[in-house]
Amino acid sequence: MPTSRLLLPILNFQALLRMSYAYLKKKNPLKEMYFGILSYLSNMLTANKRLKVVQHRVNHLNFRVNQMEKLIDENNQYNHSNGRILNQLR
């Protein structure tokens, strides 16, 4: 019996080491940190390019809205041209 009392903490410690090793092997925090840093750097380096793409989209949408407003104004029956320009375009 006295040997089992002395052996139990050693077995518990070995079990803890095995579980820790399995966790580190599965999760690998250093690898996750490495890929996190790489993705952060990639995002920082491509942020300016993505900003330009978004600005282009916004400018294009504003252009299309202005086109539609212009056509609506030209087709307004209360306007001086009474919609003749839009009818000619059809």
PDB file of N, CA and C in Angstrom:
ATOM      1  N   MET A   1       0.796  -1.211   0.000  1.00  0.00           N
ATOM      2  CA  MET A   1       0.000   0.000   0.000  1.00  0.00           C
ATOM      3  C   MET A   1       0.838   1.275   0.000  1.00  0.00           C
ATOM      4  N   PRO A   2       1.922   1.341   0.758  1.00  0.00           N
ATOM      5  CA  PRO A   2       2.678   2.589   0.750  1.00  0.00           C
ATOM      6  C   PRO A   2       3.260   2.908  -0.619  1.00  0.00           C
ATOM      7  N   THR A   3       3.539   1.908  -1.427  1.00  0.00           N
ATOM      8  CA  THR A   3       4.097   2.193  -2.751  1.00  0.00           C
ATOM      9  C   THR A   3       3.061   2.820  -3.665  1.00  0.00           C
ATOM     10  N   SER A   4       1.791   2.469  -3.512  1.00  0.00           N
ATOM     11  CA  SER A   4       0.762   3.045  -4.376  1.00  0.00           C
ATOM     12  C   SER A   4       0.560   4.519  -4.063  1.00  0.00           C
ATOM     13  N   ARG A   5       0.740   4.896  -2.782  1.00  0.00           N
ATOM     14  CA  ARG A   5       0.618   6.312  -2.440  1.00  0.00           C
ATOM     15  C   ARG A   5       1.751   7.124  -3.057  1.00  0.00           C
ATOM     16  N   LEU A   6       2.892   6.556  -3.118  1.00  0.00           N
ATOM     17  CA  LEU A   6       4.021   7.247  -3.728  1.00  0.00           C
ATOM     18  C   LEU A   6       3.947   7.221  -5.249  1.00  0.00           C
ATOM     19  N   LEU A   7       3.352   6.180  -5.775  1.00  0.00           N
ATOM     20  CA  LEU A   7       3.278   6.021  -7.221  1.00  0.00           C
ATOM     21  C   LEU A   7       2.165   6.864  -7.843  1.00  0.00           C
ATOM     22  N   LEU A   8       1.120   7.136  -7.102  1.00  0.00           N
ATOM     23  CA  LEU A   8      -0.033   7.861  -7.624  1.00  0.00           C
ATOM     24  C   LEU A   8       0.320   9.273  -8.116  1.00  0.00           C
ATOM     25  N   PRO A   9       1.055  10.087  -7.367  1.00  0.00           N
ATOM     26  CA  PRO A   9       1.402  11.419  -7.902  1.00  0.00           C
ATOM     27  C   PRO A   9       2.260  11.349  -9.157  1.00  0.00           C
ATOM     28  N   ILE A  10       3.108  10.365  -9.240  1.00  0.00           N
ATOM     29  CA  ILE A  10       3.948  10.216 -10.431  1.00  0.00           C
ATOM     30  C   ILE A  10       3.093   9.854 -11.638  1.00  0.00           C
ATOM     31  N   LEU A  11       2.137   8.946 -11.442  1.00  0.00           N
ATOM     32  CA  LEU A  11       1.243   8.568 -12.539  1.00  0.00           C
ATOM     33  C   LEU A  11       0.359   9.739 -12.958  1.00  0.00           C
ATOM     34  N   ASN A  12      -0.109  10.512 -11.982  1.00  0.00           N
ATOM     35  CA  ASN A  12      -0.918  11.695 -12.314  1.00  0.00           C
ATOM     36  C   ASN A  12      -0.097  12.706 -13.112  1.00  0.00           C
ATOM     37  N   PHE A  13       1.146  12.890 -12.722  1.00  0.00           N
ATOM     38  CA  PHE A  13       2.016  13.824 -13.436  1.00  0.00           C
ATOM     39  C   PHE A  13       2.301  13.340 -14.856  1.00  0.00           C
ATOM     40  N   GLN A  14       2.495  12.031 -15.005  1.00  0.00           N
ATOM     41  CA  GLN A  14       2.715  11.472 -16.342  1.00  0.00           C
ATOM     42  C   GLN A  14       1.469  11.636 -17.205  1.00  0.00           C
ATOM     43  N   ALA A  15       0.294  11.432 -16.612  1.00  0.00           N
ATOM     44  CA  ALA A  15      -0.953  11.625 -17.357  1.00  0.00           C
ATOM     45  C   ALA A  15      -1.101  13.085 -17.770  1.00  0.00           C
ATOM     46  N   LEU A  16      -0.736  13.991 -16.858  1.00  0.00           N
ATOM     47  CA  LEU A  16      -0.790  15.416 -17.188  1.00  0.00           C
ATOM     48  C   LEU A  16       0.159  15.751 -18.328  1.00  0.00           C
ATOM     49  N   LEU A  17       1.346  15.193 -18.302  1.00  0.00           N
ATOM     50  CA  LEU A  17       2.294  15.433 -19.387  1.00  0.00           C
ATOM     51  C   LEU A  17       1.790  14.888 -20.716  1.00  0.00           C
ATOM     52  N   ARG A  18       1.192  13.699 -20.696  1.00  0.00           N
ATOM     53  CA  ARG A  18       0.644  13.122 -21.930  1.00  0.00           C
ATOM     54  C   ARG A  18      -0.489  13.978 -22.489  1.00  0.00           C
ATOM     55  N   MET A  19      -1.366  14.452 -21.591  1.00  0.00           N
ATOM     56  CA  MET A  19      -2.474  15.301 -22.054  1.00  0.00           C
ATOM     57  C   MET A  19      -1.950  16.630 -22.593  1.00  0.00           C
ATOM     58  N   SER A  20      -0.942  17.182 -21.921  1.00  0.00           N
ATOM     59  CA  SER A  20      -0.362  18.443 -22.392  1.00  0.00           C
ATOM     60  C   SER A  20       0.297  18.266 -23.755  1.00  0.00           C
ATOM     61  N   TYR A  21       1.002  17.180 -23.919  1.00  0.00           N
ATOM     62  CA  TYR A  21       1.656  16.909 -25.197  1.00  0.00           C
ATOM     63  C   TYR A  21       0.624  16.732 -26.309  1.00  0.00           C
ATOM     64  N   ALA A  22      -0.451  16.001 -26.012  1.00  0.00           N
ATOM     65  CA  ALA A  22      -1.501  15.794 -27.023  1.00  0.00           C
ATOM     66  C   ALA A  22      -2.164  17.128 -27.389  1.00  0.00           C
ATOM     67  N   TYR A  23      -2.400  17.974 -26.388  1.00  0.00           N
ATOM     68  CA  TYR A  23      -3.010  19.281 -26.660  1.00  0.00           C
ATOM     69  C   TYR A  23      -2.093  20.133 -27.526  1.00  0.00           C
ATOM     70  N   LEU A  24      -0.821  20.194 -27.151  1.00  0.00           N
ATOM     71  CA  LEU A  24       0.116  21.010 -27.927  1.00  0.00           C
ATOM     72  C   LEU A  24       0.304  20.469 -29.335  1.00  0.00           C
ATOM     73  N   LYS A  25       0.256  19.157 -29.469  1.00  0.00           N
ATOM     74  CA  LYS A  25       0.389  18.556 -30.798  1.00  0.00           C
ATOM     75  C   LYS A  25      -0.829  18.872 -31.657  1.00  0.00           C
ATOM     76  N   LYS A  26      -2.007  18.897 -31.037  1.00  0.00           N
ATOM     77  CA  LYS A  26      -3.242  19.155 -31.784  1.00  0.00           C
ATOM     78  C   LYS A  26      -3.420  20.641 -32.090  1.00  0.00           C
ATOM     79  N   LYS A  27      -3.247  21.492 -31.100  1.00  0.00           N
ATOM     80  CA  LYS A  27      -3.512  22.927 -31.272  1.00  0.00           C
ATOM     81  C   LYS A  27      -2.320  23.695 -31.813  1.00  0.00           C
ATOM     82  N   ASN A  28      -1.129  23.379 -31.370  1.00  0.00           N
ATOM     83  CA  ASN A  28       0.111  24.001 -31.804  1.00  0.00           C
ATOM     84  C   ASN A  28       0.020  25.531 -31.782  1.00  0.00           C
ATOM     85  N   PRO A  29       0.067  26.141 -30.596  1.00  0.00           N
ATOM     86  CA  PRO A  29      -0.104  27.595 -30.481  1.00  0.00           C
ATOM     87  C   PRO A  29       0.969  28.402 -31.208  1.00  0.00           C
ATOM     88  N   LEU A  30       2.181  27.872 -31.314  1.00  0.00           N
ATOM     89  CA  LEU A  30       3.218  28.615 -32.045  1.00  0.00           C
ATOM     90  C   LEU A  30       2.885  28.716 -33.530  1.00  0.00           C
ATOM     91  N   LYS A  31       2.361  27.621 -34.083  1.00  0.00           N
ATOM     92  CA  LYS A  31       1.976  27.620 -35.490  1.00  0.00           C
ATOM     93  C   LYS A  31       0.801  28.574 -35.720  1.00  0.00           C
ATOM     94  N   GLU A  32      -0.172  28.565 -34.793  1.00  0.00           N
ATOM     95  CA  GLU A  32      -1.304  29.481 -34.920  1.00  0.00           C
ATOM     96  C   GLU A  32      -0.853  30.931 -34.827  1.00  0.00           C
ATOM     97  N   MET A  33       0.094  31.215 -33.930  1.00  0.00           N
ATOM     98  CA  MET A  33       0.607  32.570 -33.799  1.00  0.00           C
ATOM     99  C   MET A  33       1.348  32.983 -35.077  1.00  0.00           C
ATOM    100  N   TYR A  34       2.104  32.078 -35.656  1.00  0.00           N
ATOM    101  CA  TYR A  34       2.832  32.354 -36.901  1.00  0.00           C
ATOM    102  C   TYR A  34       1.860  32.702 -38.031  1.00  0.00           C
ATOM    103  N   PHE A  35       0.804  31.876 -38.185  1.00  0.00           N
ATOM    104  CA  PHE A  35      -0.157  32.148 -39.253  1.00  0.00           C
ATOM    105  C   PHE A  35      -0.971  33.404 -38.963  1.00  0.00           C
ATOM    106  N   GLY A  36      -1.205  33.695 -37.687  1.00  0.00           N
ATOM    107  CA  GLY A  36      -1.891  34.939 -37.337  1.00  0.00           C
ATOM    108  C   GLY A  36      -1.084  36.155 -37.728  1.00  0.00           C
ATOM    109  N   ILE A  37       0.207  36.111 -37.467  1.00  0.00           N
ATOM    110  CA  ILE A  37       1.087  37.232 -37.845  1.00  0.00           C
ATOM    111  C   ILE A  37       1.148  37.370 -39.363  1.00  0.00           C
ATOM    112  N   LEU A  38       1.221  36.241 -40.070  1.00  0.00           N
ATOM    113  CA  LEU A  38       1.256  36.310 -41.545  1.00  0.00           C
ATOM    114  C   LEU A  38      -0.029  36.900 -42.107  1.00  0.00           C
ATOM    115  N   SER A  39      -1.170  36.503 -41.573  1.00  0.00           N
ATOM    116  CA  SER A  39      -2.432  37.048 -42.082  1.00  0.00           C
ATOM    117  C   SER A  39      -2.557  38.534 -41.754  1.00  0.00           C
ATOM    118  N   TYR A  40      -2.062  38.944 -40.576  1.00  0.00           N
ATOM    119  CA  TYR A  40      -2.080  40.363 -40.222  1.00  0.00           C
ATOM    120  C   TYR A  40      -1.223  41.175 -41.194  1.00  0.00           C
ATOM    121  N   LEU A  41      -0.024  40.680 -41.477  1.00  0.00           N
ATOM    122  CA  LEU A  41       0.849  41.396 -42.417  1.00  0.00           C
ATOM    123  C   LEU A  41       0.240  41.452 -43.817  1.00  0.00           C
ATOM    124  N   SER A  42      -0.375  40.350 -44.225  1.00  0.00           N
ATOM    125  CA  SER A  42      -1.013  40.326 -45.539  1.00  0.00           C
ATOM    126  C   SER A  42      -2.149  41.340 -45.613  1.00  0.00           C
ATOM    127  N   ASN A  43      -2.952  41.411 -44.562  1.00  0.00           N
ATOM    128  CA  ASN A  43      -4.041  42.388 -44.535  1.00  0.00           C
ATOM    129  C   ASN A  43      -3.526  43.810 -44.553  1.00  0.00           C
ATOM    130  N   MET A  44      -2.447  44.072 -43.826  1.00  0.00           N
ATOM    131  CA  MET A  44      -1.906  45.423 -43.789  1.00  0.00           C
ATOM    132  C   MET A  44      -1.316  45.822 -45.143  1.00  0.00           C
ATOM    133  N   LEU A  45      -0.701  44.878 -45.840  1.00  0.00           N
ATOM    134  CA  LEU A  45      -0.079  45.203 -47.118  1.00  0.00           C
ATOM    135  C   LEU A  45      -1.096  45.367 -48.239  1.00  0.00           C
ATOM    136  N   THR A  46      -2.242  44.698 -48.146  1.00  0.00           N
ATOM    137  CA  THR A  46      -3.242  44.788 -49.210  1.00  0.00           C
ATOM    138  C   THR A  46      -4.379  45.748 -48.871  1.00  0.00           C
ATOM    139  N   ALA A  47      -4.311  46.417 -47.721  1.00  0.00           N
ATOM    140  CA  ALA A  47      -5.404  47.315 -47.314  1.00  0.00           C
ATOM    141  C   ALA A  47      -5.551  48.480 -48.285  1.00  0.00           C
ATOM    142  N   ASN A  48      -4.442  49.044 -48.746  1.00  0.00           N
ATOM    143  CA  ASN A  48      -4.507  50.186 -49.659  1.00  0.00           C
ATOM    144  C   ASN A  48      -5.142  49.792 -50.990  1.00  0.00           C
ATOM    145  N   LYS A  49      -4.799  48.609 -51.472  1.00  0.00           N
ATOM    146  CA  LYS A  49      -5.365  48.134 -52.738  1.00  0.00           C
ATOM    147  C   LYS A  49      -6.875  47.914 -52.598  1.00  0.00           C
ATOM    148  N   ARG A  50      -7.289  47.307 -51.479  1.00  0.00           N
ATOM    149  CA  ARG A  50      -8.723  47.084 -51.266  1.00  0.00           C
ATOM    150  C   ARG A  50      -9.469  48.399 -51.099  1.00  0.00           C
ATOM    151  N   LEU A  51      -8.825  49.385 -50.468  1.00  0.00           N
ATOM    152  CA  LEU A  51      -9.444  50.702 -50.321  1.00  0.00           C
ATOM    153  C   LEU A  51      -9.682  51.341 -51.681  1.00  0.00           C
ATOM    154  N   LYS A  52      -8.723  51.211 -52.589  1.00  0.00           N
ATOM    155  CA  LYS A  52      -8.898  51.773 -53.934  1.00  0.00           C
ATOM    156  C   LYS A  52     -10.037  51.091 -54.683  1.00  0.00           C
ATOM    157  N   VAL A  53     -10.163  49.763 -54.515  1.00  0.00           N
ATOM    158  CA  VAL A  53     -11.255  49.037 -55.170  1.00  0.00           C
ATOM    159  C   VAL A  53     -12.599  49.512 -54.639  1.00  0.00           C
ATOM    160  N   VAL A  54     -12.690  49.694 -53.330  1.00  0.00           N
ATOM    161  CA  VAL A  54     -13.948  50.157 -52.729  1.00  0.00           C
ATOM    162  C   VAL A  54     -14.263  51.580 -53.180  1.00  0.00           C
ATOM    163  N   GLN A  55     -13.259  52.445 -53.259  1.00  0.00           N
ATOM    164  CA  GLN A  55     -13.484  53.811 -53.737  1.00  0.00           C
ATOM    165  C   GLN A  55     -13.976  53.808 -55.177  1.00  0.00           C
ATOM    166  N   HIS A  56     -13.421  52.926 -56.005  1.00  0.00           N
ATOM    167  CA  HIS A  56     -13.874  52.831 -57.397  1.00  0.00           C
ATOM    168  C   HIS A  56     -15.336  52.390 -57.452  1.00  0.00           C
ATOM    169  N   ARG A  57     -15.695  51.408 -56.625  1.00  0.00           N
ATOM    170  CA  ARG A  57     -17.093  50.960 -56.609  1.00  0.00           C
ATOM    171  C   ARG A  57     -18.034  52.073 -56.196  1.00  0.00           C
ATOM    172  N   VAL A  58     -17.657  52.833 -55.176  1.00  0.00           N
ATOM    173  CA  VAL A  58     -18.505  53.933 -54.708  1.00  0.00           C
ATOM    174  C   VAL A  58     -18.633  54.994 -55.789  1.00  0.00           C
ATOM    175  N   ASN A  59     -17.535  55.334 -56.432  1.00  0.00           N
ATOM    176  CA  ASN A  59     -17.591  56.331 -57.510  1.00  0.00           C
ATOM    177  C   ASN A  59     -18.465  55.846 -58.665  1.00  0.00           C
ATOM    178  N   HIS A  60     -18.356  54.567 -59.001  1.00  0.00           N
ATOM    179  CA  HIS A  60     -19.175  54.035 -60.092  1.00  0.00           C
ATOM    180  C   HIS A  60     -20.657  54.055 -59.722  1.00  0.00           C
ATOM    181  N   LEU A  61     -20.973  53.678 -58.467  1.00  0.00           N
ATOM    182  CA  LEU A  61     -22.374  53.712 -58.038  1.00  0.00           C
ATOM    183  C   LEU A  61     -22.912  55.145 -58.032  1.00  0.00           C
ATOM    184  N   ASN A  62     -22.097  56.099 -57.610  1.00  0.00           N
ATOM    185  CA  ASN A  62     -22.539  57.505 -57.659  1.00  0.00           C
ATOM    186  C   ASN A  62     -22.775  57.949 -59.096  1.00  0.00           C
ATOM    187  N   PHE A  63     -21.921  57.515 -59.998  1.00  0.00           N
ATOM    188  CA  PHE A  63     -22.098  57.848 -61.417  1.00  0.00           C
ATOM    189  C   PHE A  63     -23.414  57.289 -61.938  1.00  0.00           C
ATOM    190  N   ARG A  64     -23.711  56.015 -61.582  1.00  0.00           N
ATOM    191  CA  ARG A  64     -24.959  55.403 -62.044  1.00  0.00           C
ATOM    192  C   ARG A  64     -26.187  56.104 -61.455  1.00  0.00           C
ATOM    193  N   VAL A  65     -26.099  56.489 -60.187  1.00  0.00           N
ATOM    194  CA  VAL A  65     -27.218  57.208 -59.557  1.00  0.00           C
ATOM    195  C   VAL A  65     -27.423  58.548 -60.246  1.00  0.00           C
ATOM    196  N   ASN A  66     -26.342  59.238 -60.531  1.00  0.00           N
ATOM    197  CA  ASN A  66     -26.481  60.523 -61.237  1.00  0.00           C
ATOM    198  C   ASN A  66     -27.063  60.337 -62.629  1.00  0.00           C
ATOM    199  N   GLN A  67     -26.685  59.244 -63.299  1.00  0.00           N
ATOM    200  CA  GLN A  67     -27.267  58.957 -64.616  1.00  0.00           C
ATOM    201  C   GLN A  67     -28.774  58.751 -64.502  1.00  0.00           C
ATOM    202  N   MET A  68     -29.182  57.962 -63.513  1.00  0.00           N
ATOM    203  CA  MET A  68     -30.618  57.708 -63.347  1.00  0.00           C
ATOM    204  C   MET A  68     -31.365  58.984 -62.994  1.00  0.00           C
ATOM    205  N   GLU A  69     -30.802  59.807 -62.117  1.00  0.00           N
ATOM    206  CA  GLU A  69     -31.460  61.070 -61.763  1.00  0.00           C
ATOM    207  C   GLU A  69     -31.579  61.976 -62.980  1.00  0.00           C
ATOM    208  N   LYS A  70     -30.557  61.988 -63.814  1.00  0.00           N
ATOM    209  CA  LYS A  70     -30.600  62.809 -65.026  1.00  0.00           C
ATOM    210  C   LYS A  70     -31.703  62.325 -65.971  1.00  0.00           C
ATOM    211  N   LEU A  71     -31.809  60.995 -66.144  1.00  0.00           N
ATOM    212  CA  LEU A  71     -32.869  60.463 -67.006  1.00  0.00           C
ATOM    213  C   LEU A  71     -34.246  60.735 -66.430  1.00  0.00           C
ATOM    214  N   ILE A  72     -34.374  60.644 -65.113  1.00  0.00           N
ATOM    215  CA  ILE A  72     -35.672  60.936 -64.485  1.00  0.00           C
ATOM    216  C   ILE A  72     -36.030  62.402 -64.689  1.00  0.00           C
ATOM    217  N   ASP A  73     -35.045  63.278 -64.533  1.00  0.00           N
ATOM    218  CA  ASP A  73     -35.306  64.709 -64.751  1.00  0.00           C
ATOM    219  C   ASP A  73     -35.682  64.987 -66.202  1.00  0.00           C
ATOM    220  N   GLU A  74     -35.038  64.301 -67.134  1.00  0.00           N
ATOM    221  CA  GLU A  74     -35.348  64.531 -68.553  1.00  0.00           C
ATOM    222  C   GLU A  74     -36.716  63.981 -68.911  1.00  0.00           C
ATOM    223  N   ASN A  75     -37.183  62.959 -68.192  1.00  0.00           N
ATOM    224  CA  ASN A  75     -38.476  62.359 -68.506  1.00  0.00           C
ATOM    225  C   ASN A  75     -39.599  62.961 -67.668  1.00  0.00           C
ATOM    226  N   ASN A  76     -39.304  63.976 -66.898  1.00  0.00           N
ATOM    227  CA  ASN A  76     -40.321  64.589 -66.047  1.00  0.00           C
ATOM    228  C   ASN A  76     -41.321  65.333 -66.915  1.00  0.00           C
ATOM    229  N   GLN A  77     -42.604  65.067 -66.709  1.00  0.00           N
ATOM    230  CA  GLN A  77     -43.617  65.704 -67.547  1.00  0.00           C
ATOM    231  C   GLN A  77     -43.753  67.195 -67.240  1.00  0.00           C
ATOM    232  N   TYR A  78     -43.290  67.601 -66.075  1.00  0.00           N
ATOM    233  CA  TYR A  78     -43.361  69.015 -65.728  1.00  0.00           C
ATOM    234  C   TYR A  78     -42.133  69.790 -66.196  1.00  0.00           C
ATOM    235  N   ASN A  79     -41.208  69.071 -66.806  1.00  0.00           N
ATOM    236  CA  ASN A  79     -40.015  69.715 -67.336  1.00  0.00           C
ATOM    237  C   ASN A  79     -40.347  70.327 -68.699  1.00  0.00           C
ATOM    238  N   HIS A  80     -39.485  71.191 -69.211  1.00  0.00           N
ATOM    239  CA  HIS A  80     -39.782  71.878 -70.486  1.00  0.00           C
ATOM    240  C   HIS A  80     -39.747  70.930 -71.677  1.00  0.00           C
ATOM    241  N   SER A  81     -38.998  69.804 -71.585  1.00  0.00           N
ATOM    242  CA  SER A  81     -38.923  68.925 -72.753  1.00  0.00           C
ATOM    243  C   SER A  81     -40.008  67.854 -72.729  1.00  0.00           C
ATOM    244  N   ASN A  82     -40.721  67.695 -71.631  1.00  0.00           N
ATOM    245  CA  ASN A  82     -41.853  66.766 -71.495  1.00  0.00           C
ATOM    246  C   ASN A  82     -41.496  65.329 -71.846  1.00  0.00           C
ATOM    247  N   GLY A  83     -40.284  64.910 -71.579  1.00  0.00           N
ATOM    248  CA  GLY A  83     -39.928  63.512 -71.774  1.00  0.00           C
ATOM    249  C   GLY A  83     -39.617  63.132 -73.199  1.00  0.00           C
ATOM    250  N   ARG A  84     -39.476  64.065 -74.091  1.00  0.00           N
ATOM    251  CA  ARG A  84     -39.223  63.721 -75.486  1.00  0.00           C
ATOM    252  C   ARG A  84     -37.857  63.065 -75.673  1.00  0.00           C
ATOM    253  N   ILE A  85     -36.880  63.457 -74.876  1.00  0.00           N
ATOM    254  CA  ILE A  85     -35.526  62.919 -75.050  1.00  0.00           C
ATOM    255  C   ILE A  85     -35.500  61.440 -74.717  1.00  0.00           C
ATOM    256  N   LEU A  86     -36.151  61.037 -73.620  1.00  0.00           N
ATOM    257  CA  LEU A  86     -36.179  59.625 -73.242  1.00  0.00           C
ATOM    258  C   LEU A  86     -36.952  58.812 -74.273  1.00  0.00           C
ATOM    259  N   ASN A  87     -38.019  59.354 -74.797  1.00  0.00           N
ATOM    260  CA  ASN A  87     -38.789  58.630 -75.800  1.00  0.00           C
ATOM    261  C   ASN A  87     -37.982  58.447 -77.079  1.00  0.00           C
ATOM    262  N   GLN A  88     -37.129  59.389 -77.407  1.00  0.00           N
ATOM    263  CA  GLN A  88     -36.288  59.240 -78.587  1.00  0.00           C
ATOM    264  C   GLN A  88     -35.217  58.173 -78.380  1.00  0.00           C
ATOM    265  N   LEU A  89     -34.773  58.011 -77.121  1.00  0.00           N
ATOM    266  CA  LEU A  89     -33.762  57.010 -76.848  1.00  0.00           C
ATOM    267  C   LEU A  89     -34.305  55.593 -76.925  1.00  0.00           C
ATOM    268  N   ARG A  90     -35.577  55.400 -76.707  1.00  0.00           N
ATOM    269  CA  ARG A  90     -36.169  54.066 -76.760  1.00  0.00           C
ATOM    270  C   ARG A  90     -36.235  53.617 -78.145  1.00  0.00           C
TER     271      ARG A  90
END
